[in-house]
Amino acid sequence: MEKILKQKKKELPFDENVRRLVIILIVLLIVTGVTKSTAFINLSNFQSIGKQLTEYGLMSLGMGICMLSGGIDLSTVYVANLSGICAGLIFQMNMPGNIALGCLAALCVGALCGTFNGILISRFHIPPMLATLGSYELFMGISVVLSGGSTVSVHGEIELLSSLTILNIPLPFIIFILCTSVLAFIMGQTKFGMRAYLVGTSAKAAEFAGIHVNATIIKCYMMSGLLAGIAGLISLSRLNSAKADFGTSYTMQTILVAVLGGINPNGGAGKISGIAFAVIILQLLSSYLNQFPAISNYYRDLIWGAALLLVLVFNVEISRRAGKKKS
């Protein structure tokens, strides 16, 4: 098995897709700077972009991990909402240490929800799409019961999590970069990361190679849940509230980000760094569109859906041509 892991590690060079994303990001910055220089290129706007992308950026990282292992997580938004509601209810309690306890609760709830998804998929062999589709209804139902169907509002020290800046960089964006760096190291340099890639490539082959496939899948979904828990906490801090149906459009955006970032929807290929670049590109594009009042928010889903289909077609075409060259 060690030889297989070493071989897989050699097959993970700097992704060509990441190069393309870097070029797209540079071009986008130039275009936005030229066309909307005074309204767009300023410190305040970039700080706002850094805050806004963190939540669905973290969930996109979780989506990417699940996709790399050959699955998908449609429940990530509702895991974030449930985590935020649990934390918010604890923050409302007038007791010492409620902030620390609430933060810990959000992380634990996220990790437990992710583990639950992993068990459904690995132990009971439920297809990932169906398992997480069912669990998101479950998590949303629990959120509604806990919150009574209303918004859980909070105030106080937790607001600092989204408002603090370090060297003019928003703390949420720093958290996103740290999470991205840690995950990039885990998935690219550790045995667990190589196992996840192998499981995504072929679960049966990985099992024959001596890899504990079920444990690997559960860990991937647990990590996705943990990231959703962090996202829920940051969302609670930024909005001063949590609700069962917050961020419902994020599900499609996280899939779009993962695919745009070069993650193979079938598993086994892609880079975590690609997801980070894709998140920044999409948030820049979204903020740029806000500069044009004529473009209604109702067109956003249309734009994201069309972008997802175009990226999928482009990636399939690139893979097909690469296959022809090899043959």
C-alpha atoms as a PDB file:
ATOM      1  CA  MET A   1       0.000   0.000   0.000  1.00  0.00           C
ATOM      2  CA  GLU A   2       2.891   2.372   0.756  1.00  0.00           C
ATOM      3  CA  LYS A   3       4.094   2.075  -2.858  1.00  0.00           C
ATOM      4  CA  ILE A   4       0.611   2.912  -4.145  1.00  0.00           C
ATOM      5  CA  LEU A   5       0.371   5.987  -1.905  1.00  0.00           C
ATOM      6  CA  LYS A   6       3.797   7.206  -3.025  1.00  0.00           C
ATOM      7  CA  GLN A   7       2.829   6.702  -6.659  1.00  0.00           C
ATOM      8  CA  LYS A   8      -0.417   8.626  -6.170  1.00  0.00           C
ATOM      9  CA  LYS A   9       1.508  11.460  -4.520  1.00  0.00           C
ATOM     10  CA  LYS A  10       3.759  11.710  -7.579  1.00  0.00           C
ATOM     11  CA  GLU A  11       0.648  12.001  -9.754  1.00  0.00           C
ATOM     12  CA  LEU A  12      -0.433  15.208  -7.980  1.00  0.00           C
ATOM     13  CA  PRO A  13       1.746  17.939  -9.509  1.00  0.00           C
ATOM     14  CA  PHE A  14       0.751  21.601  -9.674  1.00  0.00           C
ATOM     15  CA  ASP A  15      -2.630  21.387 -11.370  1.00  0.00           C
ATOM     16  CA  GLU A  16      -2.917  22.989 -14.815  1.00  0.00           C
ATOM     17  CA  ASN A  17      -6.407  24.095 -13.795  1.00  0.00           C
ATOM     18  CA  VAL A  18      -4.917  26.188 -10.969  1.00  0.00           C
ATOM     19  CA  ARG A  19      -2.750  28.001 -13.522  1.00  0.00           C
ATOM     20  CA  ARG A  20      -5.837  28.801 -15.573  1.00  0.00           C
ATOM     21  CA  LEU A  21      -7.633  30.098 -12.473  1.00  0.00           C
ATOM     22  CA  VAL A  22      -4.706  32.361 -11.568  1.00  0.00           C
ATOM     23  CA  ILE A  23      -4.756  33.809 -15.094  1.00  0.00           C
ATOM     24  CA  ILE A  24      -8.546  34.312 -14.929  1.00  0.00           C
ATOM     25  CA  LEU A  25      -8.187  36.060 -11.557  1.00  0.00           C
ATOM     26  CA  ILE A  26      -5.519  38.434 -12.896  1.00  0.00           C
ATOM     27  CA  VAL A  27      -7.583  39.231 -16.010  1.00  0.00           C
ATOM     28  CA  LEU A  28     -10.704  39.801 -13.887  1.00  0.00           C
ATOM     29  CA  LEU A  29      -8.835  42.195 -11.599  1.00  0.00           C
ATOM     30  CA  ILE A  30      -7.521  44.134 -14.601  1.00  0.00           C
ATOM     31  CA  VAL A  31     -10.957  44.337 -16.247  1.00  0.00           C
ATOM     32  CA  THR A  32     -12.721  45.433 -13.059  1.00  0.00           C
ATOM     33  CA  GLY A  33      -9.976  47.928 -12.328  1.00  0.00           C
ATOM     34  CA  VAL A  34     -10.244  49.514 -15.769  1.00  0.00           C
ATOM     35  CA  THR A  35     -14.046  49.609 -16.025  1.00  0.00           C
ATOM     36  CA  LYS A  36     -14.967  50.384 -12.410  1.00  0.00           C
ATOM     37  CA  SER A  37     -11.739  51.709 -10.928  1.00  0.00           C
ATOM     38  CA  THR A  38     -13.202  54.191  -8.422  1.00  0.00           C
ATOM     39  CA  ALA A  39     -16.200  52.146  -7.321  1.00  0.00           C
ATOM     40  CA  PHE A  40     -14.588  48.724  -7.231  1.00  0.00           C
ATOM     41  CA  ILE A  41     -10.840  48.895  -6.605  1.00  0.00           C
ATOM     42  CA  ASN A  42     -10.683  50.171  -3.030  1.00  0.00           C
ATOM     43  CA  LEU A  43      -9.761  48.744   0.362  1.00  0.00           C
ATOM     44  CA  SER A  44     -13.295  48.854   1.753  1.00  0.00           C
ATOM     45  CA  ASN A  45     -14.706  46.849  -1.152  1.00  0.00           C
ATOM     46  CA  PHE A  46     -11.978  44.206  -0.947  1.00  0.00           C
ATOM     47  CA  GLN A  47     -12.554  43.884   2.804  1.00  0.00           C
ATOM     48  CA  SER A  48     -16.243  43.358   2.111  1.00  0.00           C
ATOM     49  CA  ILE A  49     -15.411  40.702  -0.498  1.00  0.00           C
ATOM     50  CA  GLY A  50     -13.125  38.951   1.998  1.00  0.00           C
ATOM     51  CA  LYS A  51     -15.930  38.789   4.570  1.00  0.00           C
ATOM     52  CA  GLN A  52     -18.617  37.663   2.143  1.00  0.00           C
ATOM     53  CA  LEU A  53     -16.730  34.792   0.521  1.00  0.00           C
ATOM     54  CA  THR A  54     -15.676  33.108   3.763  1.00  0.00           C
ATOM     55  CA  GLU A  55     -18.913  31.289   4.563  1.00  0.00           C
ATOM     56  CA  TYR A  56     -19.586  29.619   1.237  1.00  0.00           C
ATOM     57  CA  GLY A  57     -15.836  29.345   0.700  1.00  0.00           C
ATOM     58  CA  LEU A  58     -15.506  27.109   3.765  1.00  0.00           C
ATOM     59  CA  MET A  59     -18.514  25.061   2.666  1.00  0.00           C
ATOM     60  CA  SER A  60     -16.977  24.769  -0.810  1.00  0.00           C
ATOM     61  CA  LEU A  61     -13.814  23.315   0.731  1.00  0.00           C
ATOM     62  CA  GLY A  62     -15.974  20.703   2.444  1.00  0.00           C
ATOM     63  CA  MET A  63     -17.800  19.997  -0.807  1.00  0.00           C
ATOM     64  CA  GLY A  64     -14.443  19.576  -2.539  1.00  0.00           C
ATOM     65  CA  ILE A  65     -13.206  17.034   0.011  1.00  0.00           C
ATOM     66  CA  CYS A  66     -16.383  14.974  -0.417  1.00  0.00           C
ATOM     67  CA  MET A  67     -16.097  15.140  -4.213  1.00  0.00           C
ATOM     68  CA  LEU A  68     -12.449  14.067  -4.091  1.00  0.00           C
ATOM     69  CA  SER A  69     -13.531  10.943  -2.224  1.00  0.00           C
ATOM     70  CA  GLY A  70     -16.136  10.205  -4.894  1.00  0.00           C
ATOM     71  CA  GLY A  71     -19.165  11.703  -3.133  1.00  0.00           C
ATOM     72  CA  ILE A  72     -21.080  14.943  -2.684  1.00  0.00           C
ATOM     73  CA  ASP A  73     -22.528  16.817   0.300  1.00  0.00           C
ATOM     74  CA  LEU A  74     -25.857  18.531  -0.374  1.00  0.00           C
ATOM     75  CA  SER A  75     -26.475  19.122   3.331  1.00  0.00           C
ATOM     76  CA  THR A  76     -23.547  21.441   4.037  1.00  0.00           C
ATOM     77  CA  VAL A  77     -25.658  24.650   4.142  1.00  0.00           C
ATOM     78  CA  TYR A  78     -28.117  23.123   6.597  1.00  0.00           C
ATOM     79  CA  VAL A  79     -25.302  21.769   8.752  1.00  0.00           C
ATOM     80  CA  ALA A  80     -23.989  25.345   8.922  1.00  0.00           C
ATOM     81  CA  ASN A  81     -27.440  26.672   9.851  1.00  0.00           C
ATOM     82  CA  LEU A  82     -27.936  24.026  12.547  1.00  0.00           C
ATOM     83  CA  SER A  83     -24.474  24.746  13.968  1.00  0.00           C
ATOM     84  CA  GLY A  84     -25.192  28.480  14.009  1.00  0.00           C
ATOM     85  CA  ILE A  85     -28.558  27.982  15.731  1.00  0.00           C
ATOM     86  CA  CYS A  86     -27.053  25.734  18.422  1.00  0.00           C
ATOM     87  CA  ALA A  87     -24.286  28.267  19.052  1.00  0.00           C
ATOM     88  CA  GLY A  88     -26.779  31.151  19.063  1.00  0.00           C
ATOM     89  CA  LEU A  89     -29.018  29.487  21.644  1.00  0.00           C
ATOM     90  CA  ILE A  90     -26.015  29.008  23.938  1.00  0.00           C
ATOM     91  CA  PHE A  91     -24.867  32.615  23.379  1.00  0.00           C
ATOM     92  CA  GLN A  92     -28.305  33.774  24.561  1.00  0.00           C
ATOM     93  CA  MET A  93     -27.797  32.063  27.924  1.00  0.00           C
ATOM     94  CA  ASN A  94     -26.616  34.362  30.683  1.00  0.00           C
ATOM     95  CA  MET A  95     -23.794  32.180  31.986  1.00  0.00           C
ATOM     96  CA  PRO A  96     -19.993  32.386  32.281  1.00  0.00           C
ATOM     97  CA  GLY A  97     -18.058  31.020  29.315  1.00  0.00           C
ATOM     98  CA  ASN A  98     -21.080  30.876  27.032  1.00  0.00           C
ATOM     99  CA  ILE A  99     -19.088  32.294  24.096  1.00  0.00           C
ATOM    100  CA  ALA A 100     -16.442  29.561  24.254  1.00  0.00           C
ATOM    101  CA  LEU A 101     -19.091  26.904  24.863  1.00  0.00           C
ATOM    102  CA  GLY A 102     -21.180  28.143  21.927  1.00  0.00           C
ATOM    103  CA  CYS A 103     -18.200  28.094  19.564  1.00  0.00           C
ATOM    104  CA  LEU A 104     -17.297  24.581  20.699  1.00  0.00           C
ATOM    105  CA  ALA A 105     -20.917  23.490  20.242  1.00  0.00           C
ATOM    106  CA  ALA A 106     -20.975  24.776  16.648  1.00  0.00           C
ATOM    107  CA  LEU A 107     -17.825  22.818  15.780  1.00  0.00           C
ATOM    108  CA  CYS A 108     -19.062  19.648  17.492  1.00  0.00           C
ATOM    109  CA  VAL A 109     -22.498  19.824  15.859  1.00  0.00           C
ATOM    110  CA  GLY A 110     -20.891  20.297  12.449  1.00  0.00           C
ATOM    111  CA  ALA A 111     -18.500  17.381  12.941  1.00  0.00           C
ATOM    112  CA  LEU A 112     -21.296  15.117  14.243  1.00  0.00           C
ATOM    113  CA  CYS A 113     -23.564  15.940  11.299  1.00  0.00           C
ATOM    114  CA  GLY A 114     -20.728  15.218   8.884  1.00  0.00           C
ATOM    115  CA  THR A 115     -19.963  11.934  10.642  1.00  0.00           C
ATOM    116  CA  PHE A 116     -23.641  11.001  10.397  1.00  0.00           C
ATOM    117  CA  ASN A 117     -23.526  11.579   6.629  1.00  0.00           C
ATOM    118  CA  GLY A 118     -20.355   9.527   6.345  1.00  0.00           C
ATOM    119  CA  ILE A 119     -21.912   6.604   8.220  1.00  0.00           C
ATOM    120  CA  LEU A 120     -25.024   6.667   6.011  1.00  0.00           C
ATOM    121  CA  ILE A 121     -22.845   6.503   2.910  1.00  0.00           C
ATOM    122  CA  SER A 122     -20.129   4.087   4.021  1.00  0.00           C
ATOM    123  CA  ARG A 123     -21.908   1.703   6.400  1.00  0.00           C
ATOM    124  CA  PHE A 124     -25.362   1.614   4.830  1.00  0.00           C
ATOM    125  CA  HIS A 125     -24.148   2.111   1.241  1.00  0.00           C
ATOM    126  CA  ILE A 126     -26.669   4.853   0.491  1.00  0.00           C
ATOM    127  CA  PRO A 127     -25.625   6.893  -2.585  1.00  0.00           C
ATOM    128  CA  PRO A 128     -24.048  10.178  -1.392  1.00  0.00           C
ATOM    129  CA  MET A 129     -26.553  12.367  -3.223  1.00  0.00           C
ATOM    130  CA  LEU A 130     -29.559  10.595  -1.690  1.00  0.00           C
ATOM    131  CA  ALA A 131     -27.976  10.327   1.769  1.00  0.00           C
ATOM    132  CA  THR A 132     -27.147  14.028   2.016  1.00  0.00           C
ATOM    133  CA  LEU A 133     -30.426  15.025   0.364  1.00  0.00           C
ATOM    134  CA  GLY A 134     -32.262  13.180   3.121  1.00  0.00           C
ATOM    135  CA  SER A 135     -30.002  14.453   5.884  1.00  0.00           C
ATOM    136  CA  TYR A 136     -30.392  18.086   4.838  1.00  0.00           C
ATOM    137  CA  GLU A 137     -34.142  17.724   5.365  1.00  0.00           C
ATOM    138  CA  LEU A 138     -33.399  16.153   8.749  1.00  0.00           C
ATOM    139  CA  PHE A 139     -30.964  18.895   9.784  1.00  0.00           C
ATOM    140  CA  MET A 140     -33.333  21.630   8.608  1.00  0.00           C
ATOM    141  CA  GLY A 141     -36.150  20.015  10.594  1.00  0.00           C
ATOM    142  CA  ILE A 142     -34.012  19.893  13.734  1.00  0.00           C
ATOM    143  CA  SER A 143     -33.095  23.559  13.187  1.00  0.00           C
ATOM    144  CA  VAL A 144     -36.766  24.530  12.917  1.00  0.00           C
ATOM    145  CA  VAL A 145     -37.622  22.613  16.100  1.00  0.00           C
ATOM    146  CA  LEU A 146     -34.741  24.129  18.095  1.00  0.00           C
ATOM    147  CA  SER A 147     -35.419  27.685  16.915  1.00  0.00           C
ATOM    148  CA  GLY A 148     -39.198  27.401  16.937  1.00  0.00           C
ATOM    149  CA  GLY A 149     -39.162  28.386  13.274  1.00  0.00           C
ATOM    150  CA  SER A 150     -37.956  31.889  14.113  1.00  0.00           C
ATOM    151  CA  THR A 151     -34.648  33.729  13.885  1.00  0.00           C
ATOM    152  CA  VAL A 152     -32.124  33.222  16.696  1.00  0.00           C
ATOM    153  CA  SER A 153     -30.617  36.667  17.355  1.00  0.00           C
ATOM    154  CA  VAL A 154     -27.345  37.324  19.192  1.00  0.00           C
ATOM    155  CA  HIS A 155     -25.303  40.352  20.225  1.00  0.00           C
ATOM    156  CA  GLY A 156     -22.075  40.937  22.072  1.00  0.00           C
ATOM    157  CA  GLU A 157     -18.537  39.606  21.834  1.00  0.00           C
ATOM    158  CA  ILE A 158     -19.301  37.081  19.086  1.00  0.00           C
ATOM    159  CA  GLU A 159     -19.684  40.014  16.664  1.00  0.00           C
ATOM    160  CA  LEU A 160     -15.908  40.521  16.876  1.00  0.00           C
ATOM    161  CA  LEU A 161     -15.381  37.305  14.911  1.00  0.00           C
ATOM    162  CA  SER A 162     -16.633  38.987  11.737  1.00  0.00           C
ATOM    163  CA  SER A 163     -15.669  42.605  12.453  1.00  0.00           C
ATOM    164  CA  LEU A 164     -12.022  42.267  13.534  1.00  0.00           C
ATOM    165  CA  THR A 165      -9.240  42.948  11.036  1.00  0.00           C
ATOM    166  CA  ILE A 166      -5.538  42.119  11.197  1.00  0.00           C
ATOM    167  CA  LEU A 167      -3.356  44.397   9.046  1.00  0.00           C
ATOM    168  CA  ASN A 168      -6.582  45.529   7.329  1.00  0.00           C
ATOM    169  CA  ILE A 169      -7.405  41.904   6.440  1.00  0.00           C
ATOM    170  CA  PRO A 170     -10.787  40.687   7.769  1.00  0.00           C
ATOM    171  CA  LEU A 171     -10.475  37.911  10.349  1.00  0.00           C
ATOM    172  CA  PRO A 172     -13.000  35.670   8.507  1.00  0.00           C
ATOM    173  CA  PHE A 173     -10.830  35.782   5.369  1.00  0.00           C
ATOM    174  CA  ILE A 174      -7.756  34.886   7.430  1.00  0.00           C
ATOM    175  CA  ILE A 175      -9.678  31.910   8.844  1.00  0.00           C
ATOM    176  CA  PHE A 176     -10.568  30.851   5.289  1.00  0.00           C
ATOM    177  CA  ILE A 177      -6.932  31.056   4.155  1.00  0.00           C
ATOM    178  CA  LEU A 178      -5.753  29.093   7.215  1.00  0.00           C
ATOM    179  CA  CYS A 179      -8.363  26.370   6.628  1.00  0.00           C
ATOM    180  CA  THR A 180      -7.407  26.210   2.947  1.00  0.00           C
ATOM    181  CA  SER A 181      -3.701  25.887   3.788  1.00  0.00           C
ATOM    182  CA  VAL A 182      -4.281  23.152   6.370  1.00  0.00           C
ATOM    183  CA  LEU A 183      -6.557  21.196   4.028  1.00  0.00           C
ATOM    184  CA  ALA A 184      -4.168  21.587   1.098  1.00  0.00           C
ATOM    185  CA  PHE A 185      -1.423  20.086   3.258  1.00  0.00           C
ATOM    186  CA  ILE A 186      -3.645  17.259   4.542  1.00  0.00           C
ATOM    187  CA  MET A 187      -4.955  16.294   1.106  1.00  0.00           C
ATOM    188  CA  GLY A 188      -1.666  16.734  -0.725  1.00  0.00           C
ATOM    189  CA  GLN A 189       1.001  15.637   1.740  1.00  0.00           C
ATOM    190  CA  THR A 190      -0.460  13.117   4.184  1.00  0.00           C
ATOM    191  CA  LYS A 191      -1.381   9.448   3.908  1.00  0.00           C
ATOM    192  CA  PHE A 192      -4.995  10.267   4.660  1.00  0.00           C
ATOM    193  CA  GLY A 193      -5.133  12.665   1.706  1.00  0.00           C
ATOM    194  CA  MET A 194      -3.665  10.087  -0.645  1.00  0.00           C
ATOM    195  CA  ARG A 195      -6.144   7.498   0.629  1.00  0.00           C
ATOM    196  CA  ALA A 196      -9.025   9.895  -0.058  1.00  0.00           C
ATOM    197  CA  TYR A 197      -7.817  10.393  -3.642  1.00  0.00           C
ATOM    198  CA  LEU A 198      -7.515   6.632  -4.127  1.00  0.00           C
ATOM    199  CA  VAL A 199     -10.991   6.010  -2.714  1.00  0.00           C
ATOM    200  CA  GLY A 200     -12.353   8.663  -5.085  1.00  0.00           C
ATOM    201  CA  THR A 201     -10.586   7.059  -8.033  1.00  0.00           C
ATOM    202  CA  SER A 202     -11.834   3.542  -7.236  1.00  0.00           C
ATOM    203  CA  ALA A 203     -13.209   2.450  -3.876  1.00  0.00           C
ATOM    204  CA  LYS A 204     -12.846  -1.235  -4.766  1.00  0.00           C
ATOM    205  CA  ALA A 205      -9.237  -0.844  -5.860  1.00  0.00           C
ATOM    206  CA  ALA A 206      -8.498   1.120  -2.682  1.00  0.00           C
ATOM    207  CA  GLU A 207     -10.034  -1.661  -0.590  1.00  0.00           C
ATOM    208  CA  PHE A 208      -7.918  -4.281  -2.358  1.00  0.00           C
ATOM    209  CA  ALA A 209      -4.878  -2.090  -1.619  1.00  0.00           C
ATOM    210  CA  GLY A 210      -5.584  -2.392   2.108  1.00  0.00           C
ATOM    211  CA  ILE A 211      -7.185   1.016   2.629  1.00  0.00           C
ATOM    212  CA  HIS A 212     -10.047   1.284   5.132  1.00  0.00           C
ATOM    213  CA  VAL A 213     -12.520   2.808   2.693  1.00  0.00           C
ATOM    214  CA  ASN A 214     -15.366   3.303   5.182  1.00  0.00           C
ATOM    215  CA  ALA A 215     -13.154   5.099   7.701  1.00  0.00           C
ATOM    216  CA  THR A 216     -11.725   7.340   4.974  1.00  0.00           C
ATOM    217  CA  ILE A 217     -15.197   8.321   3.724  1.00  0.00           C
ATOM    218  CA  ILE A 218     -16.449   9.042   7.246  1.00  0.00           C
ATOM    219  CA  LYS A 219     -13.428  11.269   7.938  1.00  0.00           C
ATOM    220  CA  CYS A 220     -13.979  13.194   4.685  1.00  0.00           C
ATOM    221  CA  TYR A 221     -17.597  13.941   5.567  1.00  0.00           C
ATOM    222  CA  MET A 222     -16.670  14.754   9.158  1.00  0.00           C
ATOM    223  CA  MET A 223     -14.204  17.356   7.840  1.00  0.00           C
ATOM    224  CA  SER A 224     -16.925  18.758   5.582  1.00  0.00           C
ATOM    225  CA  GLY A 225     -19.257  19.037   8.571  1.00  0.00           C
ATOM    226  CA  LEU A 226     -16.579  20.706  10.677  1.00  0.00           C
ATOM    227  CA  LEU A 227     -15.982  23.315   7.972  1.00  0.00           C
ATOM    228  CA  ALA A 228     -19.740  23.898   7.754  1.00  0.00           C
ATOM    229  CA  GLY A 229     -19.777  24.394  11.529  1.00  0.00           C
ATOM    230  CA  ILE A 230     -17.102  27.090  11.245  1.00  0.00           C
ATOM    231  CA  ALA A 231     -19.067  28.703   8.403  1.00  0.00           C
ATOM    232  CA  GLY A 232     -22.227  28.693  10.524  1.00  0.00           C
ATOM    233  CA  LEU A 233     -20.379  30.377  13.367  1.00  0.00           C
ATOM    234  CA  ILE A 234     -18.998  33.107  11.099  1.00  0.00           C
ATOM    235  CA  SER A 235     -22.434  33.626   9.522  1.00  0.00           C
ATOM    236  CA  LEU A 236     -23.961  33.992  12.996  1.00  0.00           C
ATOM    237  CA  SER A 237     -21.338  36.590  13.878  1.00  0.00           C
ATOM    238  CA  ARG A 238     -21.741  38.567  10.637  1.00  0.00           C
ATOM    239  CA  LEU A 239     -25.552  38.605  10.551  1.00  0.00           C
ATOM    240  CA  ASN A 240     -26.072  38.637  14.351  1.00  0.00           C
ATOM    241  CA  SER A 241     -28.607  35.883  13.767  1.00  0.00           C
ATOM    242  CA  ALA A 242     -29.161  32.328  12.575  1.00  0.00           C
ATOM    243  CA  LYS A 243     -32.154  30.711  10.901  1.00  0.00           C
ATOM    244  CA  ALA A 244     -33.016  27.297   9.463  1.00  0.00           C
ATOM    245  CA  ASP A 245     -33.261  28.552   5.875  1.00  0.00           C
ATOM    246  CA  PHE A 246     -30.339  30.972   5.642  1.00  0.00           C
ATOM    247  CA  GLY A 247     -28.081  30.707   2.583  1.00  0.00           C
ATOM    248  CA  THR A 248     -30.195  28.255   0.598  1.00  0.00           C
ATOM    249  CA  SER A 249     -28.551  29.385  -2.675  1.00  0.00           C
ATOM    250  CA  TYR A 250     -25.123  28.425  -1.327  1.00  0.00           C
ATOM    251  CA  THR A 251     -25.627  24.743  -2.155  1.00  0.00           C
ATOM    252  CA  MET A 252     -25.362  25.293  -5.899  1.00  0.00           C
ATOM    253  CA  GLN A 253     -22.577  27.830  -5.442  1.00  0.00           C
ATOM    254  CA  THR A 254     -20.460  25.372  -3.457  1.00  0.00           C
ATOM    255  CA  ILE A 255     -20.831  22.781  -6.223  1.00  0.00           C
ATOM    256  CA  LEU A 256     -19.968  25.412  -8.838  1.00  0.00           C
ATOM    257  CA  VAL A 257     -16.896  26.514  -6.881  1.00  0.00           C
ATOM    258  CA  ALA A 258     -15.640  22.945  -6.442  1.00  0.00           C
ATOM    259  CA  VAL A 259     -16.066  22.119 -10.141  1.00  0.00           C
ATOM    260  CA  LEU A 260     -14.637  25.461 -11.297  1.00  0.00           C
ATOM    261  CA  GLY A 261     -11.733  24.824  -8.927  1.00  0.00           C
ATOM    262  CA  GLY A 262     -10.865  21.675 -10.877  1.00  0.00           C
ATOM    263  CA  ILE A 263     -12.347  19.006  -8.614  1.00  0.00           C
ATOM    264  CA  ASN A 264     -13.487  16.009 -10.653  1.00  0.00           C
ATOM    265  CA  PRO A 265     -17.177  15.375  -9.766  1.00  0.00           C
ATOM    266  CA  ASN A 266     -16.464  11.653 -10.174  1.00  0.00           C
ATOM    267  CA  GLY A 267     -13.686  11.827  -7.565  1.00  0.00           C
ATOM    268  CA  GLY A 268      -9.968  11.221  -7.401  1.00  0.00           C
ATOM    269  CA  ALA A 269      -8.661  14.414  -9.028  1.00  0.00           C
ATOM    270  CA  GLY A 270      -8.348  18.091  -8.189  1.00  0.00           C
ATOM    271  CA  LYS A 271      -6.581  20.510  -5.886  1.00  0.00           C
ATOM    272  CA  ILE A 272      -7.749  22.297  -2.745  1.00  0.00           C
ATOM    273  CA  SER A 273      -5.886  25.426  -3.880  1.00  0.00           C
ATOM    274  CA  GLY A 274      -8.065  25.477  -7.004  1.00  0.00           C
ATOM    275  CA  ILE A 275     -11.159  25.804  -4.810  1.00  0.00           C
ATOM    276  CA  ALA A 276      -9.673  28.842  -3.045  1.00  0.00           C
ATOM    277  CA  PHE A 277      -8.968  30.609  -6.350  1.00  0.00           C
ATOM    278  CA  ALA A 278     -12.440  29.716  -7.652  1.00  0.00           C
ATOM    279  CA  VAL A 279     -14.101  31.177  -4.532  1.00  0.00           C
ATOM    280  CA  ILE A 280     -12.211  34.459  -4.916  1.00  0.00           C
ATOM    281  CA  ILE A 281     -13.011  34.652  -8.648  1.00  0.00           C
ATOM    282  CA  LEU A 282     -16.739  34.060  -8.150  1.00  0.00           C
ATOM    283  CA  GLN A 283     -16.981  36.566  -5.296  1.00  0.00           C
ATOM    284  CA  LEU A 284     -15.111  39.178  -7.336  1.00  0.00           C
ATOM    285  CA  LEU A 285     -17.468  38.542 -10.239  1.00  0.00           C
ATOM    286  CA  SER A 286     -20.522  38.745  -7.970  1.00  0.00           C
ATOM    287  CA  SER A 287     -19.329  42.024  -6.436  1.00  0.00           C
ATOM    288  CA  TYR A 288     -18.540  43.364  -9.901  1.00  0.00           C
ATOM    289  CA  LEU A 289     -22.093  42.588 -11.073  1.00  0.00           C
ATOM    290  CA  ASN A 290     -23.400  44.575  -8.098  1.00  0.00           C
ATOM    291  CA  GLN A 291     -21.909  47.674  -9.731  1.00  0.00           C
ATOM    292  CA  PHE A 292     -24.526  47.404 -12.483  1.00  0.00           C
ATOM    293  CA  PRO A 293     -28.038  48.216 -11.170  1.00  0.00           C
ATOM    294  CA  ALA A 294     -29.577  46.991 -14.436  1.00  0.00           C
ATOM    295  CA  ILE A 295     -28.555  43.403 -13.623  1.00  0.00           C
ATOM    296  CA  SER A 296     -31.220  42.065 -11.279  1.00  0.00           C
ATOM    297  CA  ASN A 297     -30.438  39.625  -8.465  1.00  0.00           C
ATOM    298  CA  TYR A 298     -32.953  37.286 -10.073  1.00  0.00           C
ATOM    299  CA  TYR A 299     -30.426  36.664 -12.842  1.00  0.00           C
ATOM    300  CA  ARG A 300     -27.769  35.418 -10.415  1.00  0.00           C
ATOM    301  CA  ASP A 301     -28.985  31.817 -10.279  1.00  0.00           C
ATOM    302  CA  LEU A 302     -29.247  31.824 -14.069  1.00  0.00           C
ATOM    303  CA  ILE A 303     -25.659  33.055 -14.361  1.00  0.00           C
ATOM    304  CA  TRP A 304     -24.302  30.545 -11.822  1.00  0.00           C
ATOM    305  CA  GLY A 305     -26.218  27.666 -13.409  1.00  0.00           C
ATOM    306  CA  ALA A 306     -24.973  28.550 -16.891  1.00  0.00           C
ATOM    307  CA  ALA A 307     -21.429  28.929 -15.550  1.00  0.00           C
ATOM    308  CA  LEU A 308     -21.589  25.483 -13.912  1.00  0.00           C
ATOM    309  CA  LEU A 309     -22.734  23.840 -17.155  1.00  0.00           C
ATOM    310  CA  LEU A 310     -20.064  25.641 -19.188  1.00  0.00           C
ATOM    311  CA  VAL A 311     -17.317  24.600 -16.775  1.00  0.00           C
ATOM    312  CA  LEU A 312     -18.513  20.978 -16.831  1.00  0.00           C
ATOM    313  CA  VAL A 313     -18.581  20.930 -20.644  1.00  0.00           C
ATOM    314  CA  PHE A 314     -15.143  22.560 -20.782  1.00  0.00           C
ATOM    315  CA  ASN A 315     -13.624  20.082 -18.307  1.00  0.00           C
ATOM    316  CA  VAL A 316     -15.126  17.088 -20.131  1.00  0.00           C
ATOM    317  CA  GLU A 317     -13.751  18.368 -23.435  1.00  0.00           C
ATOM    318  CA  ILE A 318     -10.292  18.910 -21.935  1.00  0.00           C
ATOM    319  CA  SER A 319     -10.313  15.377 -20.465  1.00  0.00           C
ATOM    320  CA  ARG A 320     -11.455  13.907 -23.784  1.00  0.00           C
ATOM    321  CA  ARG A 321      -8.658  15.615 -25.701  1.00  0.00           C
ATOM    322  CA  ALA A 322      -6.096  14.580 -23.091  1.00  0.00           C
ATOM    323  CA  GLY A 323      -7.287  10.979 -23.435  1.00  0.00           C
ATOM    324  CA  LYS A 324      -6.882  11.132 -27.212  1.00  0.00           C
ATOM    325  CA  LYS A 325      -3.312  12.415 -26.893  1.00  0.00           C
ATOM    326  CA  LYS A 326      -2.383   9.567 -24.533  1.00  0.00           C
ATOM    327  CA  SER A 327      -3.833   6.964 -26.895  1.00  0.00           C
END
